[in-house]
Protein backbone atom coordinates (compact mmCIF):
# COMPACT_ATOMS: atom_id res chain seq x y z
CA MET A 1 3.19 -81.17 -22.15
CA LYS A 2 5.41 -79.34 -24.68
CA TYR A 3 7.22 -76.18 -23.53
CA ARG A 4 5.45 -74.07 -26.18
CA THR A 5 2.06 -75.32 -25.05
CA ARG A 6 2.87 -74.67 -21.39
CA LEU A 7 3.98 -71.14 -22.23
CA LEU A 8 0.83 -70.46 -24.20
CA VAL A 9 -1.34 -71.87 -21.41
CA LEU A 10 0.45 -69.64 -18.91
CA LEU A 11 -0.08 -66.54 -21.02
CA LEU A 12 -3.70 -67.35 -21.62
CA SER A 13 -4.29 -68.15 -17.97
CA ALA A 14 -2.95 -64.83 -16.70
CA PRO A 15 -6.35 -63.07 -16.75
CA ILE A 16 -7.88 -66.02 -14.91
CA LEU A 17 -5.22 -65.76 -12.22
CA VAL A 18 -5.78 -62.02 -11.91
CA PHE A 19 -9.50 -62.65 -11.56
CA ALA A 20 -8.91 -65.19 -8.81
CA VAL A 21 -6.51 -62.94 -6.92
CA LEU A 22 -9.00 -60.07 -7.05
CA GLY A 23 -11.65 -62.30 -5.58
CA GLY A 24 -9.37 -63.25 -2.72
CA TYR A 25 -9.61 -66.93 -3.60
CA LEU A 26 -5.91 -67.55 -4.04
CA GLY A 27 -4.91 -65.46 -1.08
CA ARG A 28 -7.11 -67.43 1.29
CA THR A 29 -6.57 -70.95 0.04
CA PHE A 30 -3.19 -71.43 -1.64
CA ALA A 31 -1.83 -72.83 1.60
CA GLN A 32 -3.62 -76.07 0.81
CA GLU A 33 -2.46 -78.32 -2.01
CA ASP A 34 -6.01 -79.01 -3.20
CA SER A 35 -6.50 -75.34 -3.88
CA TYR A 36 -4.37 -75.58 -7.02
CA ARG A 37 -6.57 -78.27 -8.52
CA PRO A 38 -9.01 -76.00 -10.45
CA LEU A 39 -6.12 -74.16 -12.10
CA ARG A 40 -4.41 -77.42 -13.02
CA ILE A 41 -7.66 -78.64 -14.55
CA PHE A 42 -7.97 -75.40 -16.46
CA GLU A 43 -4.43 -75.83 -17.77
CA ASP A 44 -5.25 -79.39 -18.86
CA VAL A 45 -8.44 -78.29 -20.61
CA VAL A 46 -6.65 -75.55 -22.55
CA SER A 47 -3.88 -77.97 -23.52
CA LEU A 48 -6.36 -80.59 -24.72
CA ILE A 49 -8.25 -78.04 -26.79
CA LEU A 50 -5.09 -76.70 -28.41
CA ASN A 51 -3.56 -80.08 -29.14
CA SER A 52 -6.44 -82.53 -29.55
CA TYR A 53 -9.46 -80.73 -30.99
CA VAL A 54 -10.30 -81.92 -34.51
CA GLU A 55 -9.53 -78.52 -36.06
CA ASP A 56 -7.25 -75.59 -35.30
CA VAL A 57 -8.95 -73.34 -32.80
CA ASP A 58 -9.24 -69.58 -32.55
CA VAL A 59 -7.45 -69.21 -29.23
CA ASP A 60 -8.67 -65.66 -28.60
CA ARG A 61 -12.29 -66.71 -29.11
CA VAL A 62 -11.96 -69.73 -26.84
CA MET A 63 -10.33 -67.72 -24.06
CA ALA A 64 -12.84 -64.89 -24.32
CA GLY A 65 -15.58 -67.48 -23.92
CA ALA A 66 -13.87 -68.90 -20.83
CA MET A 67 -13.58 -65.44 -19.28
CA ARG A 68 -17.24 -64.67 -19.99
CA ARG A 69 -18.34 -67.89 -18.31
CA LEU A 70 -16.08 -67.28 -15.32
CA SER A 71 -17.39 -63.78 -14.63
CA GLY A 72 -20.94 -64.84 -15.49
CA GLY A 73 -20.91 -67.29 -12.62
CA LEU A 74 -20.84 -64.41 -10.11
CA ASP A 75 -23.96 -62.35 -10.78
CA ALA A 76 -25.80 -60.98 -13.79
CA ASP A 77 -24.02 -57.62 -13.76
CA SER A 78 -20.42 -58.81 -13.40
CA ALA A 79 -18.89 -59.32 -16.82
CA TYR A 80 -15.70 -59.78 -18.78
CA LEU A 81 -15.11 -56.79 -21.06
CA THR A 82 -13.08 -57.02 -24.22
CA PRO A 83 -10.36 -54.43 -24.90
CA GLY A 84 -12.87 -52.69 -27.18
CA ASP A 85 -15.46 -52.58 -24.41
CA VAL A 86 -12.91 -51.14 -21.99
CA ALA A 87 -11.82 -48.49 -24.49
CA ALA A 88 -15.45 -47.48 -25.05
CA LEU A 89 -16.10 -47.29 -21.30
CA GLU A 90 -12.99 -45.21 -20.60
CA SER A 91 -13.44 -42.88 -23.55
CA GLY A 92 -16.11 -40.90 -21.72
CA ASP A 93 -17.99 -40.42 -24.99
CA ALA A 94 -21.71 -39.88 -24.50
CA LEU A 95 -23.92 -42.68 -25.77
CA PRO A 96 -26.40 -41.86 -28.54
CA GLU A 97 -29.62 -40.27 -27.29
CA GLY A 98 -31.92 -42.86 -28.84
CA ARG A 99 -33.07 -45.50 -26.33
CA THR A 100 -35.53 -48.36 -26.26
CA GLY A 101 -36.36 -48.09 -22.55
CA VAL A 102 -35.24 -51.66 -21.78
CA THR A 103 -33.19 -52.29 -18.65
CA LEU A 104 -31.37 -55.59 -19.04
CA THR A 105 -30.40 -58.52 -16.88
CA ARG A 106 -29.01 -61.94 -17.84
CA GLN A 107 -30.12 -65.53 -17.46
CA PHE A 108 -28.48 -67.64 -20.17
CA TYR A 109 -29.52 -64.90 -22.60
CA LEU A 110 -30.21 -61.24 -22.12
CA ARG A 111 -33.51 -60.69 -20.36
CA VAL A 112 -35.84 -57.76 -19.81
CA LEU A 113 -35.59 -56.48 -16.25
CA SER A 114 -37.95 -53.60 -16.93
CA ALA A 115 -39.44 -51.54 -19.76
CA ARG A 116 -39.61 -47.90 -18.75
CA ASP A 117 -43.02 -46.24 -18.80
CA GLY A 118 -43.83 -44.58 -22.12
CA SER A 119 -40.75 -45.99 -23.85
CA PRO A 120 -40.72 -47.80 -27.21
CA ALA A 121 -40.24 -51.09 -25.32
CA ALA A 122 -43.24 -50.49 -23.07
CA GLU A 123 -45.44 -49.46 -25.99
CA ALA A 124 -44.42 -52.66 -27.81
CA GLY A 125 -45.58 -54.69 -24.81
CA LEU A 126 -42.24 -55.94 -23.49
CA ARG A 127 -42.47 -57.07 -19.87
CA PRO A 128 -40.08 -58.05 -17.06
CA GLY A 129 -38.86 -61.60 -17.60
CA ASP A 130 -39.02 -61.60 -21.40
CA TYR A 131 -35.96 -63.24 -22.95
CA ILE A 132 -34.14 -61.29 -25.64
CA ARG A 133 -32.62 -64.09 -27.67
CA GLY A 134 -31.24 -61.83 -30.37
CA ILE A 135 -30.45 -58.21 -31.21
CA ASP A 136 -30.59 -57.41 -34.92
CA GLY A 137 -30.26 -61.09 -35.71
CA GLU A 138 -27.25 -61.81 -33.49
CA SER A 139 -27.66 -64.20 -30.58
CA THR A 140 -27.29 -62.70 -27.10
CA ARG A 141 -25.98 -65.96 -25.65
CA ASN A 142 -22.49 -64.48 -25.28
CA ILE A 143 -23.40 -60.81 -24.91
CA SER A 144 -22.99 -59.12 -21.53
CA ILE A 145 -25.44 -56.63 -20.07
CA PHE A 146 -22.84 -53.94 -20.75
CA GLU A 147 -22.57 -54.81 -24.44
CA GLY A 148 -26.30 -55.38 -24.81
CA THR A 149 -27.10 -51.97 -23.36
CA GLN A 150 -24.72 -50.36 -25.82
CA ARG A 151 -26.31 -52.17 -28.75
CA LEU A 152 -29.77 -51.01 -27.75
CA ARG A 153 -28.64 -47.37 -27.91
CA GLY A 154 -28.52 -45.52 -31.19
CA ALA A 155 -29.57 -42.42 -33.05
CA THR A 156 -33.06 -41.14 -32.31
CA GLY A 157 -35.42 -42.58 -34.93
CA SER A 158 -33.20 -45.53 -35.79
CA MET A 159 -34.53 -49.09 -35.57
CA VAL A 160 -33.44 -52.14 -33.63
CA THR A 161 -35.02 -55.60 -33.90
CA LEU A 162 -35.28 -57.88 -30.89
CA THR A 163 -35.93 -61.62 -30.95
CA VAL A 164 -38.11 -62.20 -27.91
CA ILE A 165 -39.51 -65.25 -26.08
CA ARG A 166 -42.04 -65.00 -23.26
CA GLY A 167 -42.82 -67.70 -20.75
CA ASN A 168 -43.09 -71.18 -22.19
CA ALA A 169 -43.52 -70.09 -25.80
CA THR A 170 -41.52 -72.23 -28.21
CA GLU A 171 -41.40 -69.76 -31.09
CA PRO A 172 -39.68 -66.39 -30.69
CA GLN A 173 -41.20 -63.20 -32.04
CA GLU A 174 -39.42 -60.41 -33.83
CA ILE A 175 -40.17 -57.00 -32.32
CA ALA A 176 -38.92 -53.87 -34.07
CA LEU A 177 -38.38 -50.84 -31.86
CA THR A 178 -37.74 -47.27 -32.92
CA ARG A 179 -35.23 -45.64 -30.62
CA ALA A 180 -36.42 -42.42 -29.02
CA ARG A 181 -35.44 -39.83 -26.46
CA LEU A 182 -37.15 -40.91 -23.27
CA ALA A 183 -39.38 -38.57 -21.28
CA GLU A 184 -37.62 -36.87 -18.38
CA ALA A 185 -40.53 -37.05 -15.92
CA SER A 186 -40.04 -39.87 -13.40
CA VAL A 187 -43.21 -39.44 -11.32
CA THR A 188 -46.89 -39.43 -12.32
CA SER A 189 -50.02 -39.52 -10.19
CA ARG A 190 -53.80 -39.65 -10.02
CA ILE A 191 -56.61 -40.23 -7.56
CA ALA A 192 -57.12 -44.01 -7.71
CA ALA A 193 -60.09 -44.26 -5.32
CA PRO A 194 -61.89 -41.91 -2.92
CA ALA A 195 -59.20 -40.34 -0.71
CA VAL A 196 -56.49 -42.67 -2.16
CA GLY A 197 -53.68 -41.12 -4.17
CA TYR A 198 -51.71 -43.22 -6.63
CA VAL A 199 -48.05 -42.31 -7.26
CA ARG A 200 -46.12 -44.02 -10.02
CA VAL A 201 -42.31 -43.75 -9.71
CA ALA A 202 -40.86 -44.89 -13.04
CA ALA A 203 -37.21 -44.23 -12.13
CA PHE A 204 -35.12 -42.85 -9.30
CA ASP A 205 -33.43 -40.21 -11.39
CA THR A 206 -31.74 -37.08 -10.08
CA GLY A 207 -34.29 -34.86 -8.32
CA VAL A 208 -36.87 -37.61 -7.87
CA ALA A 209 -37.31 -36.82 -4.16
CA ASP A 210 -38.47 -33.30 -5.01
CA GLU A 211 -40.79 -34.70 -7.70
CA ILE A 212 -42.34 -37.12 -5.23
CA ARG A 213 -42.82 -34.43 -2.59
CA ASP A 214 -44.46 -32.02 -5.05
CA THR A 215 -46.66 -34.80 -6.44
CA ILE A 216 -47.92 -35.84 -3.03
CA ASP A 217 -48.59 -32.21 -2.08
CA SER A 218 -50.80 -31.97 -5.16
CA LEU A 219 -52.59 -35.21 -4.29
CA GLU A 220 -53.28 -33.99 -0.76
CA GLU A 221 -54.77 -30.81 -2.17
CA ALA A 222 -57.00 -33.05 -4.32
CA GLY A 223 -58.23 -34.90 -1.21
CA ALA A 224 -55.82 -37.83 -0.88
CA GLN A 225 -55.53 -39.15 2.67
CA GLN A 226 -53.75 -42.43 1.84
CA LEU A 227 -51.14 -43.39 -0.76
CA VAL A 228 -50.29 -46.23 -3.10
CA VAL A 229 -46.74 -45.87 -4.45
CA ASP A 230 -46.14 -48.08 -7.48
CA LEU A 231 -42.60 -49.42 -7.97
CA ARG A 232 -43.41 -52.29 -10.32
CA GLY A 233 -40.93 -52.41 -13.18
CA THR A 234 -38.86 -49.60 -11.64
CA ALA A 235 -35.22 -50.44 -12.26
CA ASP A 236 -33.49 -47.21 -13.30
CA GLY A 237 -31.81 -44.65 -11.10
CA SER A 238 -29.08 -44.28 -8.51
CA TYR A 239 -28.94 -45.82 -5.06
CA ALA A 240 -28.31 -42.38 -3.57
CA ASP A 241 -31.54 -41.04 -5.06
CA GLY A 242 -33.45 -44.07 -3.78
CA VAL A 243 -32.23 -43.39 -0.24
CA GLU A 244 -32.91 -39.66 -0.57
CA ALA A 245 -36.50 -40.40 -1.58
CA ALA A 246 -36.89 -42.73 1.41
CA ARG A 247 -36.04 -39.82 3.72
CA LEU A 248 -39.36 -38.23 2.79
CA PHE A 249 -41.24 -41.03 4.55
CA VAL A 250 -38.93 -42.39 7.29
CA GLY A 251 -38.36 -40.12 10.26
CA SER A 252 -36.06 -42.39 12.26
CA GLY A 253 -34.17 -45.64 11.77
CA THR A 254 -31.78 -47.22 9.30
CA LEU A 255 -32.32 -46.39 5.63
CA ALA A 256 -29.61 -48.48 3.95
CA ILE A 257 -26.52 -50.56 4.69
CA ARG A 258 -23.63 -50.70 2.22
CA GLN A 259 -21.13 -53.53 2.49
CA ARG A 260 -17.76 -54.14 0.88
CA ARG A 261 -15.72 -57.27 1.24
CA ASP A 262 -13.73 -57.49 4.49
CA GLU A 263 -14.67 -53.92 5.46
CA SER A 264 -16.99 -52.40 8.04
CA GLN A 265 -20.56 -51.77 6.95
CA GLU A 266 -21.58 -48.23 6.03
CA THR A 267 -24.97 -47.43 7.55
CA THR A 268 -27.19 -44.55 6.43
CA VAL A 269 -29.79 -43.41 8.95
CA ALA A 270 -32.67 -40.96 8.97
CA GLU A 271 -31.83 -37.48 10.21
CA ALA A 272 -33.66 -34.61 11.88
CA GLY A 273 -36.28 -33.27 9.49
CA ASP A 274 -36.78 -36.53 7.63
CA GLY A 275 -40.15 -38.26 7.49
CA GLY A 276 -42.23 -35.22 6.62
CA ILE A 277 -44.79 -37.25 4.63
CA GLU A 278 -46.92 -39.14 7.14
CA LEU A 279 -49.90 -40.35 5.09
CA PRO A 280 -50.70 -44.07 5.47
CA MET A 281 -49.33 -45.89 2.45
CA VAL A 282 -48.45 -49.17 0.74
CA LEU A 283 -45.92 -50.01 -1.96
CA LEU A 284 -46.58 -52.07 -5.08
CA VAL A 285 -43.56 -54.19 -6.07
CA GLY A 286 -42.75 -57.04 -8.46
CA ASN A 287 -39.97 -58.89 -10.25
CA GLY A 288 -39.05 -55.76 -12.21
CA THR A 289 -38.52 -53.74 -9.02
CA SER A 290 -34.77 -53.41 -8.80
CA GLY A 291 -31.81 -51.40 -7.60
CA ALA A 292 -32.66 -48.00 -6.10
CA ALA A 293 -36.34 -48.94 -5.95
CA GLU A 294 -35.45 -51.92 -3.76
CA LEU A 295 -33.47 -49.73 -1.37
CA PHE A 296 -36.42 -47.35 -1.16
CA ALA A 297 -38.86 -50.21 -0.55
CA SER A 298 -36.60 -51.83 2.04
CA ALA A 299 -36.21 -48.58 3.98
CA LEU A 300 -39.98 -48.13 4.21
CA ALA A 301 -40.87 -51.76 4.86
CA ASP A 302 -38.18 -52.45 7.49
CA ASN A 303 -39.09 -49.29 9.37
CA ALA A 304 -42.79 -50.28 9.41
CA ARG A 305 -43.65 -47.28 7.26
CA ALA A 306 -45.31 -49.20 4.42
CA GLU A 307 -46.20 -52.79 3.55
CA LEU A 308 -45.17 -54.36 0.25
CA ILE A 309 -47.89 -55.75 -2.02
CA GLY A 310 -47.37 -57.71 -5.25
CA GLY A 311 -44.46 -60.00 -6.14
CA ARG A 312 -40.91 -60.60 -4.96
CA THR A 313 -38.47 -57.95 -6.09
CA PHE A 314 -35.56 -58.81 -8.37
CA GLY A 315 -32.60 -58.59 -5.97
CA ARG A 316 -30.17 -56.31 -7.79
CA ALA A 317 -28.37 -54.20 -5.23
CA ALA A 318 -24.66 -54.09 -6.01
CA GLU A 319 -22.24 -51.52 -7.34
CA GLN A 320 -19.79 -52.36 -10.12
CA ARG A 321 -16.41 -50.98 -11.04
CA LEU A 322 -13.91 -51.59 -13.84
CA ILE A 323 -10.72 -53.53 -13.09
CA LYS A 324 -8.37 -53.52 -16.06
CA LEU A 325 -6.35 -56.59 -17.02
CA PRO A 326 -2.85 -56.59 -18.54
CA ASP A 327 -4.03 -57.21 -22.11
CA GLY A 328 -6.39 -54.21 -22.13
CA SER A 329 -9.49 -56.22 -21.34
CA GLY A 330 -11.21 -55.85 -18.00
CA LEU A 331 -13.64 -57.06 -15.40
CA TRP A 332 -16.83 -55.18 -14.68
CA LEU A 333 -17.03 -56.52 -11.15
CA SER A 334 -19.61 -56.17 -8.40
CA TRP A 335 -17.49 -54.89 -5.51
CA ALA A 336 -20.03 -53.46 -3.04
CA GLN A 337 -23.56 -54.48 -2.17
CA TYR A 338 -26.49 -53.11 -0.20
CA LEU A 339 -28.27 -54.97 2.54
CA THR A 340 -31.84 -54.36 3.56
CA ALA A 341 -32.45 -51.70 6.19
CA GLY A 342 -32.90 -54.62 8.60
CA GLY A 343 -29.44 -56.00 7.78
CA GLU A 344 -30.51 -58.93 5.60
CA ARG A 345 -29.06 -59.82 2.22
CA LEU A 346 -30.76 -58.00 -0.64
CA HIS A 347 -28.51 -58.61 -3.67
CA GLN A 348 -29.63 -61.74 -5.54
CA GLN A 349 -32.33 -62.25 -2.89
CA GLY A 350 -34.87 -59.46 -3.28
CA LEU A 351 -37.71 -58.47 -0.97
CA GLU A 352 -40.69 -60.67 -0.20
CA PRO A 353 -44.02 -58.80 -0.16
CA ALA A 354 -46.20 -58.87 2.92
CA ILE A 355 -49.18 -59.50 0.66
CA ALA A 356 -48.51 -61.59 -2.45
CA VAL A 357 -50.57 -60.87 -5.56
CA PRO A 358 -49.69 -62.83 -8.74
CA THR A 359 -49.01 -60.82 -11.88
CA PRO A 360 -51.54 -61.64 -14.61
CA SER A 361 -49.94 -63.36 -17.60
CA VAL A 362 -50.23 -61.71 -21.00
CA GLU A 363 -49.39 -63.47 -24.24
CA MET A 364 -46.93 -61.75 -26.52
CA GLY A 365 -48.79 -59.34 -28.78
CA ALA A 366 -52.05 -59.52 -26.81
CA GLU A 367 -53.62 -56.41 -25.33
CA PRO A 368 -53.54 -56.27 -21.50
CA SER A 369 -56.95 -56.68 -19.93
CA GLY A 370 -56.74 -53.41 -18.01
CA ASP A 371 -57.35 -55.18 -14.70
CA ASP A 372 -54.84 -54.49 -11.94
CA PRO A 373 -55.29 -57.01 -9.10
CA ALA A 374 -52.34 -55.67 -7.11
CA LEU A 375 -53.66 -52.11 -7.14
CA ASP A 376 -57.13 -53.33 -6.25
CA ARG A 377 -55.69 -55.29 -3.33
CA ALA A 378 -53.69 -52.27 -2.19
CA ILE A 379 -56.77 -50.06 -2.13
CA GLU A 380 -58.69 -52.75 -0.27
CA HIS A 381 -55.86 -53.09 2.27
CA LEU A 382 -55.76 -49.35 2.92
CA GLY A 383 -59.52 -49.42 3.45
CA GLN A 384 -59.05 -51.99 6.20
CA ALA A 385 -56.42 -49.99 8.04
């Protein structure tokens, strides 16, 4: 290999080496000769592309693609950030107020994790699992969750067009959303059946524990003696607020376990005065239940405070941080994760419901039937208690 090519390969490989060191891979395995093999192969691939591809290549574009694929092999939230992304993240500038209400994940393309209640996305009928193949005509194949979230934000009243595929559909649909300021209320309620209160938690935002407590007080005054708490499609909010809300219902036991690599687990337990709400209850969950909502659900389920009804939760329970690289780019890397209250893996695993109820399928653009089998099953289950 020519000296110039070797030098270029070395310079281009530096971020990859930094990535590997941060993951501990090199530190654990460099003692063995075979451990160098993946880096040698990478060097060979870069050399072949630079010297043998039919046309001159845009080296920056090729390397950015390699970095995206490398970080994308970890989990949906870990991502390679360009120098522009890093500058935007570190600037501290507030994002525009206009939002679509979509919380994103990734699986080959960007995908809808949830559509917040009352948001433009929810009103347009977007559902967890929908693929967003394009944003304003640009493919999301190489767009991270970080970048996608930024592109969905904009001035209130401005438009964004999503190219969406649902299920096994072969033809995507174009859905135009008008960005809006989302409602601040996170909790709504009603009497769902005689003596059964229904509480919908749309997000675990700041102050949600107080909202839940006040809501349940009102339901009890209206005659509720049992509760259904709906967490389907709930993906927004902080882990701390999810745990704080769990304290309302769990009087003793483990609430959450936080784990970092090669460090002791941090366990959060119920304290004196917790568990003030004692009404019998169940939780509705599904594949859009994520993050703080999963911690809340795990705390209640693992402490035998409530059973889960519906579908398996998403399994998104990690914290990310920015690690800058020498060229100004960076890694948005999952560096801590939460386990279930029972000590089992939650991130990328999710929670299995005690009572499984399939989610009815709805074709894109069709009106939902209005039936809610999971809620019906929850009310039936409470009646049998």
